[in-house]
Amino acid sequence: MKIEISDFIHVLKEEFEIPQSVTFSSQTIIESVIEMSSINALIFLALIKTEYDVALTAGDLLHAKTVQELYDIVVSKAITE
């Protein structure tokens, strides 16, 4: 499955109800827009598993500072899984 960055951003914006007025791009620092609480971390893990059939770890989330970094991790795991 090919994952497009624009679709990935759209999925995150919808799930976390990010307003259109908020700039949310590949270079956005995730924690500047989404509070990385334990609940939101679980939501991230479940969302990525449901949408892309990719199992992320908590470590993956800790290593991803920007949307692009998270996207890159998801894409790399999608290829190997």
Protein backbone atom coordinates (compact mmCIF):
# COMPACT_ATOMS: atom_id res chain seq x y z
CA MET A 1 0.00 0.00 0.00
CA LYS A 2 1.33 3.43 -0.94
CA ILE A 3 0.82 6.00 1.76
CA GLU A 4 0.70 9.60 0.60
CA ILE A 5 1.84 12.31 3.01
CA SER A 6 -1.19 14.46 2.16
CA ASP A 7 -3.56 11.62 3.08
CA PHE A 8 -1.57 10.93 6.25
CA ILE A 9 -1.86 14.58 7.30
CA HIS A 10 -5.59 14.57 6.52
CA VAL A 11 -6.15 11.47 8.69
CA LEU A 12 -4.30 13.03 11.63
CA LYS A 13 -6.15 16.33 11.27
CA GLU A 14 -9.52 14.59 11.28
CA GLU A 15 -8.77 12.21 14.14
CA PHE A 16 -7.39 14.91 16.42
CA GLU A 17 -9.92 17.52 15.23
CA ILE A 18 -7.30 20.06 14.27
CA PRO A 19 -9.01 23.25 13.09
CA GLN A 20 -8.49 24.41 9.52
CA SER A 21 -7.07 27.64 10.92
CA VAL A 22 -4.11 25.73 12.43
CA THR A 23 -1.14 25.18 10.14
CA PHE A 24 -0.53 21.44 10.08
CA SER A 25 2.03 20.24 7.54
CA SER A 26 4.81 17.70 7.24
CA GLN A 27 7.14 20.06 9.12
CA THR A 28 4.76 20.67 12.02
CA ILE A 29 6.13 19.61 15.39
CA ILE A 30 3.48 17.19 16.57
CA GLU A 31 3.48 18.26 20.22
CA SER A 32 2.96 21.90 19.24
CA VAL A 33 -0.51 20.94 17.99
CA ILE A 34 -1.41 17.67 19.72
CA GLU A 35 -0.80 17.13 23.43
CA MET A 36 1.10 13.87 23.70
CA SER A 37 -0.73 12.49 26.71
CA SER A 38 -0.91 8.76 27.30
CA ILE A 39 -4.45 8.75 25.90
CA ASN A 40 -3.39 10.53 22.71
CA ALA A 41 -0.42 8.19 22.36
CA LEU A 42 -2.82 5.24 22.46
CA ILE A 43 -5.04 6.98 19.93
CA PHE A 44 -2.03 7.45 17.64
CA LEU A 45 -1.07 3.79 17.92
CA ALA A 46 -4.62 2.58 17.25
CA LEU A 47 -5.15 5.05 14.40
CA ILE A 48 -2.00 4.00 12.58
CA LYS A 49 -2.84 0.31 13.06
CA THR A 50 -6.41 0.79 11.83
CA GLU A 51 -5.68 3.08 8.88
CA TYR A 52 -2.39 1.61 7.66
CA ASP A 53 -2.11 -1.81 9.32
CA VAL A 54 1.20 -0.74 10.85
CA ALA A 55 2.10 -1.48 14.47
CA LEU A 56 3.99 1.40 16.03
CA THR A 57 5.64 1.32 19.42
CA ALA A 58 5.74 3.99 22.09
CA GLY A 59 9.40 4.40 21.15
CA ASP A 60 8.42 5.22 17.58
CA LEU A 61 6.21 8.03 18.86
CA LEU A 62 8.98 9.34 21.08
CA HIS A 63 11.42 9.45 18.15
CA ALA A 64 9.02 11.29 15.84
CA LYS A 65 9.09 15.00 16.51
CA THR A 66 7.51 16.20 13.25
CA VAL A 67 4.65 14.88 11.16
CA GLN A 68 7.22 14.00 8.47
CA GLU A 69 9.26 11.91 10.91
CA LEU A 70 6.16 10.03 12.03
CA TYR A 71 5.14 9.52 8.41
CA ASP A 72 8.61 8.18 7.55
CA ILE A 73 8.43 5.66 10.40
CA VAL A 74 4.97 4.49 9.30
CA VAL A 75 6.10 4.13 5.67
CA SER A 76 9.24 2.22 6.62
CA LYS A 77 7.26 -0.18 8.80
CA ALA A 78 4.56 -0.60 6.14
CA ILE A 79 7.21 -1.82 3.73
CA THR A 80 8.66 -4.36 6.14
CA GLU A 81 5.40 -5.70 7.56
